Amino acid sequence: MAVEHLLRQARAAASLSQAELAEAAGTSQPTLSAYEHGQKSPTLDTVARIVGEAGFELALTPKIEFTESGNTRGQPIMTPAVLPRLPLDKALATIELPLHLNWSDRGRRYNLRDRRQRARVYEIVLREGTPSDILTYIDGVLLVDIWNELVLPHPVRAAWEQTVHEIGDPGRSVA
């Protein structure tokens, strides 16, 4: 993610104007504007200070690599090396899956707070989804929680089994 997008996103999430965030972070509004428009490049310390004043912190998250772990109905089964984590508001949101995932029930909205609806979304995404879909809709901890309830084709379950059990092992840390 580009620094300018990160700064705009943090400011918008905090519902702050450029002037308000700049003042709180000890910089000027024109300088913050230049950072947000990619006209100036702030140091990492400056970015951390600005997003900190917006109520966030910079953090490293693991890059999730995908491998082809089999094939079903002529489509590759893509599995991550580690299970993704979603922010709580996304993990439990009400969503509408894109047409390429939910072609048979267009426009249906799923409330991910509802266990059955979340299971249905996870079944669809694990069966039909791309790596981008997996990173958008699947939360690793919630997947582990409902894993045994999911109705999946054998090749899909077999491809995901090792990754799901690695995170589900209490001796391992959740990424």
Foldseek 3Di string as FASTA:
>chain_A
DQLLVVLVVLCVVLVHDLQVLCVLLVHHSVVNVCRNVVVDPDDPVSSQSSSVSSVDGDDDDDDWDWDFQDDDPRHTQIDTPAQEADPPCQQQDWDFDDCQQPVPDHPDIAGNVDLVSLLVLVQSCRARNDPVSRNRHPHLVSCLVCVVVHDHPPSSCVSCVVNNVVPVPPVDDHD
